[in-house]
Amino acid sequence: VRLKGGDPYVFGRGGEELEYLQERGVEVKCVPGITAASGIASALGIPLTHRGIADNVQFITGHLRGEFTESALRDLARKVAYENTTIVVYMGLNSLPSMSKELLANGMDPDTAACAVERGTMKDQRTVFGSLKDLSARVEAAELQSPTLILVGNVVTLCPAWQEEEAALASDAGRSREGEEEGRRNKEPVA
């Protein structure tokens, strides 16, 4: 028995293992799980596709080892960077700075919503939200560790936790502006 989490045929090397065993006459049965992209996105309330926001979803690897080099990363970013898409990056924690840079260089809006999810669907899950332009810095500041799944696309804005974070930021900004205005009023000369 070989036990794997998620869908063993999505970046899980399940296909390679299946071929190896079949070539040797070993009978194989797969009981599939749910791939991390679907499980994590659903648990967060993020639809991977949504009318008017994302008409497709692309699962890519950010694993920069072996044949997957910086050059290959550049080529991959060029193929997936466009509006109205959701990009899910498996094994992309270490390549996040380069991937973000390449997606931006290939025309993605810097303000595209994004999140990184460490240990998704587990009780100790941690999620960092941001935009494509600042997610890498936020992930570094949070010191996320592998396994971390990255979602890039404006469907992330549909996540209730994103909306709560944005509302809190807006509220903090409003309080800051009110404080600045009150400070100016207190400094104005009285006639």
C-alpha atoms as a PDB file:
ATOM      1  CA  VAL A   1       0.000   0.000   0.000  1.00  0.00           C
ATOM      2  CA  ARG A   2       1.236   3.483  -0.915  1.00  0.00           C
ATOM      3  CA  LEU A   3      -0.654   6.188   0.916  1.00  0.00           C
ATOM      4  CA  LYS A   4      -0.583   9.738  -0.409  1.00  0.00           C
ATOM      5  CA  GLY A   5      -2.639  12.756   0.543  1.00  0.00           C
ATOM      6  CA  GLY A   6      -4.780  14.614  -1.969  1.00  0.00           C
ATOM      7  CA  ASP A   7      -4.938  13.603  -5.600  1.00  0.00           C
ATOM      8  CA  PRO A   8      -1.829  11.521  -6.365  1.00  0.00           C
ATOM      9  CA  TYR A   9      -2.034  12.457 -10.039  1.00  0.00           C
ATOM     10  CA  VAL A  10      -1.757  16.237  -9.499  1.00  0.00           C
ATOM     11  CA  PHE A  11       1.943  16.975  -8.866  1.00  0.00           C
ATOM     12  CA  GLY A  12       2.066  13.873  -6.689  1.00  0.00           C
ATOM     13  CA  ARG A  13       4.139  11.667  -9.001  1.00  0.00           C
ATOM     14  CA  GLY A  14       1.272   9.191  -8.986  1.00  0.00           C
ATOM     15  CA  GLY A  15       1.422   8.826 -12.763  1.00  0.00           C
ATOM     16  CA  GLU A  16       5.120   7.960 -12.667  1.00  0.00           C
ATOM     17  CA  GLU A  17       4.566   5.430  -9.897  1.00  0.00           C
ATOM     18  CA  LEU A  18       1.624   3.916 -11.790  1.00  0.00           C
ATOM     19  CA  GLU A  19       3.719   3.473 -14.951  1.00  0.00           C
ATOM     20  CA  TYR A  20       6.590   1.941 -12.997  1.00  0.00           C
ATOM     21  CA  LEU A  21       4.358  -0.616 -11.293  1.00  0.00           C
ATOM     22  CA  GLN A  22       2.361  -1.480 -14.425  1.00  0.00           C
ATOM     23  CA  GLU A  23       5.588  -2.086 -16.380  1.00  0.00           C
ATOM     24  CA  ARG A  24       6.457  -4.666 -13.735  1.00  0.00           C
ATOM     25  CA  GLY A  25       3.066  -6.348 -13.804  1.00  0.00           C
ATOM     26  CA  VAL A  26       1.887  -5.019 -10.449  1.00  0.00           C
ATOM     27  CA  GLU A  27      -1.857  -4.454 -10.204  1.00  0.00           C
ATOM     28  CA  VAL A  28      -2.653  -0.916  -9.076  1.00  0.00           C
ATOM     29  CA  LYS A  29      -5.830   0.535  -7.653  1.00  0.00           C
ATOM     30  CA  CYS A  30      -6.115   4.199  -6.821  1.00  0.00           C
ATOM     31  CA  VAL A  31      -8.565   5.610  -4.330  1.00  0.00           C
ATOM     32  CA  PRO A  32      -8.319   9.307  -5.183  1.00  0.00           C
ATOM     33  CA  GLY A  33      -8.436  12.135  -2.727  1.00  0.00           C
ATOM     34  CA  ILE A  34      -9.214  15.783  -3.312  1.00  0.00           C
ATOM     35  CA  THR A  35      -6.363  17.834  -4.710  1.00  0.00           C
ATOM     36  CA  ALA A  36      -4.977  20.532  -2.422  1.00  0.00           C
ATOM     37  CA  ALA A  37      -6.198  23.322  -4.718  1.00  0.00           C
ATOM     38  CA  SER A  38      -9.824  22.244  -4.442  1.00  0.00           C
ATOM     39  CA  GLY A  39      -9.720  21.348  -0.768  1.00  0.00           C
ATOM     40  CA  ILE A  40      -7.933  24.486   0.405  1.00  0.00           C
ATOM     41  CA  ALA A  41      -9.861  26.885  -1.824  1.00  0.00           C
ATOM     42  CA  SER A  42     -13.194  25.366  -0.775  1.00  0.00           C
ATOM     43  CA  ALA A  43     -12.287  25.437   2.902  1.00  0.00           C
ATOM     44  CA  LEU A  44     -11.438  29.150   2.590  1.00  0.00           C
ATOM     45  CA  GLY A  45     -14.581  29.954   0.595  1.00  0.00           C
ATOM     46  CA  ILE A  46     -12.625  30.774  -2.561  1.00  0.00           C
ATOM     47  CA  PRO A  47     -14.211  29.535  -5.797  1.00  0.00           C
ATOM     48  CA  LEU A  48     -11.477  28.616  -8.249  1.00  0.00           C
ATOM     49  CA  THR A  49     -13.671  29.897 -11.081  1.00  0.00           C
ATOM     50  CA  HIS A  50     -16.401  32.510 -10.864  1.00  0.00           C
ATOM     51  CA  ARG A  51     -18.497  34.166 -13.561  1.00  0.00           C
ATOM     52  CA  GLY A  52     -16.996  37.522 -14.486  1.00  0.00           C
ATOM     53  CA  ILE A  53     -13.861  37.035 -12.374  1.00  0.00           C
ATOM     54  CA  ALA A  54     -12.140  33.822 -13.451  1.00  0.00           C
ATOM     55  CA  ASP A  55     -13.157  31.740 -16.418  1.00  0.00           C
ATOM     56  CA  ASN A  56     -10.424  29.138 -15.883  1.00  0.00           C
ATOM     57  CA  VAL A  57      -8.030  27.749 -13.323  1.00  0.00           C
ATOM     58  CA  GLN A  58      -4.454  26.688 -13.956  1.00  0.00           C
ATOM     59  CA  PHE A  59      -2.524  24.323 -11.706  1.00  0.00           C
ATOM     60  CA  ILE A  60       1.229  24.863 -12.008  1.00  0.00           C
ATOM     61  CA  THR A  61       4.346  23.790 -10.182  1.00  0.00           C
ATOM     62  CA  GLY A  62       6.710  26.271  -8.640  1.00  0.00           C
ATOM     63  CA  HIS A  63       9.240  23.573  -7.806  1.00  0.00           C
ATOM     64  CA  LEU A  64      12.651  24.861  -8.946  1.00  0.00           C
ATOM     65  CA  ARG A  65      14.674  21.666  -8.977  1.00  0.00           C
ATOM     66  CA  GLY A  66      16.052  19.407 -11.650  1.00  0.00           C
ATOM     67  CA  GLU A  67      14.840  20.412 -15.084  1.00  0.00           C
ATOM     68  CA  PHE A  68      12.617  23.166 -13.715  1.00  0.00           C
ATOM     69  CA  THR A  69      14.928  26.163 -13.831  1.00  0.00           C
ATOM     70  CA  GLU A  70      14.522  29.946 -13.666  1.00  0.00           C
ATOM     71  CA  SER A  71      14.258  29.891 -17.461  1.00  0.00           C
ATOM     72  CA  ALA A  72      11.455  27.332 -17.307  1.00  0.00           C
ATOM     73  CA  LEU A  73       9.749  29.454 -14.647  1.00  0.00           C
ATOM     74  CA  ARG A  74       9.888  32.471 -16.985  1.00  0.00           C
ATOM     75  CA  ASP A  75       8.345  30.436 -19.802  1.00  0.00           C
ATOM     76  CA  LEU A  76       5.632  29.095 -17.496  1.00  0.00           C
ATOM     77  CA  ALA A  77       4.737  32.580 -16.229  1.00  0.00           C
ATOM     78  CA  ARG A  78       4.440  33.798 -19.823  1.00  0.00           C
ATOM     79  CA  LYS A  79       1.949  30.995 -20.578  1.00  0.00           C
ATOM     80  CA  VAL A  80      -0.335  31.570 -17.569  1.00  0.00           C
ATOM     81  CA  ALA A  81      -0.281  35.334 -17.007  1.00  0.00           C
ATOM     82  CA  TYR A  82      -3.523  36.890 -18.181  1.00  0.00           C
ATOM     83  CA  GLU A  83      -6.691  38.420 -16.801  1.00  0.00           C
ATOM     84  CA  ASN A  84      -9.678  36.438 -15.571  1.00  0.00           C
ATOM     85  CA  THR A  85      -7.679  33.435 -14.475  1.00  0.00           C
ATOM     86  CA  THR A  86      -6.885  31.691 -11.238  1.00  0.00           C
ATOM     87  CA  ILE A  87      -3.361  30.372 -10.897  1.00  0.00           C
ATOM     88  CA  VAL A  88      -2.681  27.750  -8.245  1.00  0.00           C
ATOM     89  CA  VAL A  89       1.006  27.212  -7.541  1.00  0.00           C
ATOM     90  CA  TYR A  90       1.934  23.926  -5.926  1.00  0.00           C
ATOM     91  CA  MET A  91       5.336  23.706  -4.213  1.00  0.00           C
ATOM     92  CA  GLY A  92       5.959  27.372  -4.953  1.00  0.00           C
ATOM     93  CA  LEU A  93       7.029  28.805  -1.620  1.00  0.00           C
ATOM     94  CA  ASN A  94      10.717  29.098  -2.526  1.00  0.00           C
ATOM     95  CA  SER A  95      10.031  30.349  -6.039  1.00  0.00           C
ATOM     96  CA  LEU A  96       7.326  32.849  -5.013  1.00  0.00           C
ATOM     97  CA  PRO A  97       9.539  35.947  -5.394  1.00  0.00           C
ATOM     98  CA  SER A  98      10.647  34.893  -8.885  1.00  0.00           C
ATOM     99  CA  MET A  99       7.184  33.705  -9.917  1.00  0.00           C
ATOM    100  CA  SER A 100       5.596  36.986  -8.799  1.00  0.00           C
ATOM    101  CA  LYS A 101       8.218  38.990 -10.678  1.00  0.00           C
ATOM    102  CA  GLU A 102       7.686  36.959 -13.854  1.00  0.00           C
ATOM    103  CA  LEU A 103       3.879  37.159 -13.673  1.00  0.00           C
ATOM    104  CA  LEU A 104       4.145  40.944 -13.302  1.00  0.00           C
ATOM    105  CA  ALA A 105       6.674  41.147 -16.147  1.00  0.00           C
ATOM    106  CA  ASN A 106       4.207  39.250 -18.323  1.00  0.00           C
ATOM    107  CA  GLY A 107       1.407  41.731 -17.775  1.00  0.00           C
ATOM    108  CA  MET A 108      -0.513  40.606 -14.706  1.00  0.00           C
ATOM    109  CA  ASP A 109      -2.010  43.464 -12.705  1.00  0.00           C
ATOM    110  CA  PRO A 110       0.128  44.133  -9.605  1.00  0.00           C
ATOM    111  CA  ASP A 111      -3.071  44.511  -7.560  1.00  0.00           C
ATOM    112  CA  THR A 112      -4.316  41.016  -8.435  1.00  0.00           C
ATOM    113  CA  ALA A 113      -5.440  39.374  -5.187  1.00  0.00           C
ATOM    114  CA  ALA A 114      -3.401  36.449  -3.905  1.00  0.00           C
ATOM    115  CA  CYS A 115      -2.906  34.285  -0.865  1.00  0.00           C
ATOM    116  CA  ALA A 116      -0.482  31.712   0.447  1.00  0.00           C
ATOM    117  CA  VAL A 117      -1.794  28.886   2.608  1.00  0.00           C
ATOM    118  CA  GLU A 118       0.524  26.891   4.845  1.00  0.00           C
ATOM    119  CA  ARG A 119      -0.687  23.414   5.893  1.00  0.00           C
ATOM    120  CA  GLY A 120      -4.049  23.971   4.221  1.00  0.00           C
ATOM    121  CA  THR A 121      -7.129  22.327   5.773  1.00  0.00           C
ATOM    122  CA  MET A 122      -5.141  21.319   8.854  1.00  0.00           C
ATOM    123  CA  LYS A 123      -5.912  22.667  12.337  1.00  0.00           C
ATOM    124  CA  ASP A 124      -2.665  24.675  12.302  1.00  0.00           C
ATOM    125  CA  GLN A 125      -3.307  26.215   8.868  1.00  0.00           C
ATOM    126  CA  ARG A 126      -1.946  29.731   8.348  1.00  0.00           C
ATOM    127  CA  THR A 127      -3.058  32.029   5.547  1.00  0.00           C
ATOM    128  CA  VAL A 128      -1.398  35.198   4.284  1.00  0.00           C
ATOM    129  CA  PHE A 129      -3.347  37.527   1.986  1.00  0.00           C
ATOM    130  CA  GLY A 130      -1.960  40.215  -0.259  1.00  0.00           C
ATOM    131  CA  SER A 131      -1.676  41.357  -3.818  1.00  0.00           C
ATOM    132  CA  LEU A 132       0.610  39.901  -6.437  1.00  0.00           C
ATOM    133  CA  LYS A 133       3.019  42.804  -5.897  1.00  0.00           C
ATOM    134  CA  ASP A 134       3.363  42.311  -2.126  1.00  0.00           C
ATOM    135  CA  LEU A 135       2.497  38.678  -1.348  1.00  0.00           C
ATOM    136  CA  SER A 136       6.111  37.547  -1.396  1.00  0.00           C
ATOM    137  CA  ALA A 137       7.143  40.124   1.227  1.00  0.00           C
ATOM    138  CA  ARG A 138       4.120  39.294   3.391  1.00  0.00           C
ATOM    139  CA  VAL A 139       4.857  35.560   3.195  1.00  0.00           C
ATOM    140  CA  GLU A 140       8.472  36.187   4.154  1.00  0.00           C
ATOM    141  CA  ALA A 141       7.404  38.372   7.104  1.00  0.00           C
ATOM    142  CA  ALA A 142       5.004  35.641   8.282  1.00  0.00           C
ATOM    143  CA  GLU A 143       7.772  33.038   7.920  1.00  0.00           C
ATOM    144  CA  LEU A 144       5.496  30.522   6.216  1.00  0.00           C
ATOM    145  CA  GLN A 145       6.944  27.043   5.755  1.00  0.00           C
ATOM    146  CA  SER A 146       6.267  24.184   3.342  1.00  0.00           C
ATOM    147  CA  PRO A 147       3.836  22.823   2.449  1.00  0.00           C
ATOM    148  CA  THR A 148       2.318  26.060   1.193  1.00  0.00           C
ATOM    149  CA  LEU A 149      -0.128  26.458  -1.680  1.00  0.00           C
ATOM    150  CA  ILE A 150      -0.349  29.803  -3.484  1.00  0.00           C
ATOM    151  CA  LEU A 151      -3.501  31.122  -5.145  1.00  0.00           C
ATOM    152  CA  VAL A 152      -3.308  34.104  -7.494  1.00  0.00           C
ATOM    153  CA  GLY A 153      -6.459  35.644  -8.921  1.00  0.00           C
ATOM    154  CA  ASN A 154      -9.230  38.003  -7.987  1.00  0.00           C
ATOM    155  CA  VAL A 155     -11.416  35.113  -6.829  1.00  0.00           C
ATOM    156  CA  VAL A 156      -9.375  35.430  -3.622  1.00  0.00           C
ATOM    157  CA  THR A 157     -11.368  38.615  -2.871  1.00  0.00           C
ATOM    158  CA  LEU A 158     -14.464  36.424  -2.438  1.00  0.00           C
ATOM    159  CA  CYS A 159     -12.903  34.732   0.597  1.00  0.00           C
ATOM    160  CA  PRO A 160     -14.664  35.800   3.814  1.00  0.00           C
ATOM    161  CA  ALA A 161     -11.308  36.072   5.639  1.00  0.00           C
ATOM    162  CA  TRP A 162      -9.960  38.365   2.876  1.00  0.00           C
ATOM    163  CA  GLN A 163     -13.053  40.541   3.163  1.00  0.00           C
ATOM    164  CA  GLU A 164     -12.699  40.731   6.961  1.00  0.00           C
ATOM    165  CA  GLU A 165      -9.022  41.694   6.635  1.00  0.00           C
ATOM    166  CA  GLU A 166      -9.821  44.354   4.022  1.00  0.00           C
ATOM    167  CA  ALA A 167     -12.622  45.784   6.196  1.00  0.00           C
ATOM    168  CA  ALA A 168     -10.261  45.943   9.189  1.00  0.00           C
ATOM    169  CA  LEU A 169      -7.614  47.718   7.102  1.00  0.00           C
ATOM    170  CA  ALA A 170     -10.190  50.198   5.801  1.00  0.00           C
ATOM    171  CA  SER A 171     -11.423  50.824   9.340  1.00  0.00           C
ATOM    172  CA  ASP A 172      -7.853  51.379  10.590  1.00  0.00           C
ATOM    173  CA  ALA A 173      -7.196  53.768   7.697  1.00  0.00           C
ATOM    174  CA  GLY A 174     -10.411  55.663   8.523  1.00  0.00           C
ATOM    175  CA  ARG A 175      -9.422  55.994  12.186  1.00  0.00           C
ATOM    176  CA  SER A 176      -5.981  57.204  11.149  1.00  0.00           C
ATOM    177  CA  ARG A 177      -7.487  59.869   8.843  1.00  0.00           C
ATOM    178  CA  GLU A 178      -9.911  60.961  11.595  1.00  0.00           C
ATOM    179  CA  GLY A 179      -7.013  61.301  14.025  1.00  0.00           C
ATOM    180  CA  GLU A 180      -5.019  63.357  11.537  1.00  0.00           C
ATOM    181  CA  GLU A 181      -7.997  65.649  10.895  1.00  0.00           C
ATOM    182  CA  GLU A 182      -8.634  66.098  14.621  1.00  0.00           C
ATOM    183  CA  GLY A 183      -4.953  66.907  15.137  1.00  0.00           C
ATOM    184  CA  ARG A 184      -5.124  69.588  12.433  1.00  0.00           C
ATOM    185  CA  ARG A 185      -8.304  71.058  13.980  1.00  0.00           C
ATOM    186  CA  ASN A 186      -6.666  71.228  17.381  1.00  0.00           C
ATOM    187  CA  LYS A 187      -3.727  73.137  15.886  1.00  0.00           C
ATOM    188  CA  GLU A 188      -5.887  75.656  13.976  1.00  0.00           C
ATOM    189  CA  PRO A 189      -5.882  79.130  15.552  1.00  0.00           C
ATOM    190  CA  VAL A 190      -9.167  80.199  17.119  1.00  0.00           C
ATOM    191  CA  ALA A 191     -10.454  83.587  15.886  1.00  0.00           C
END
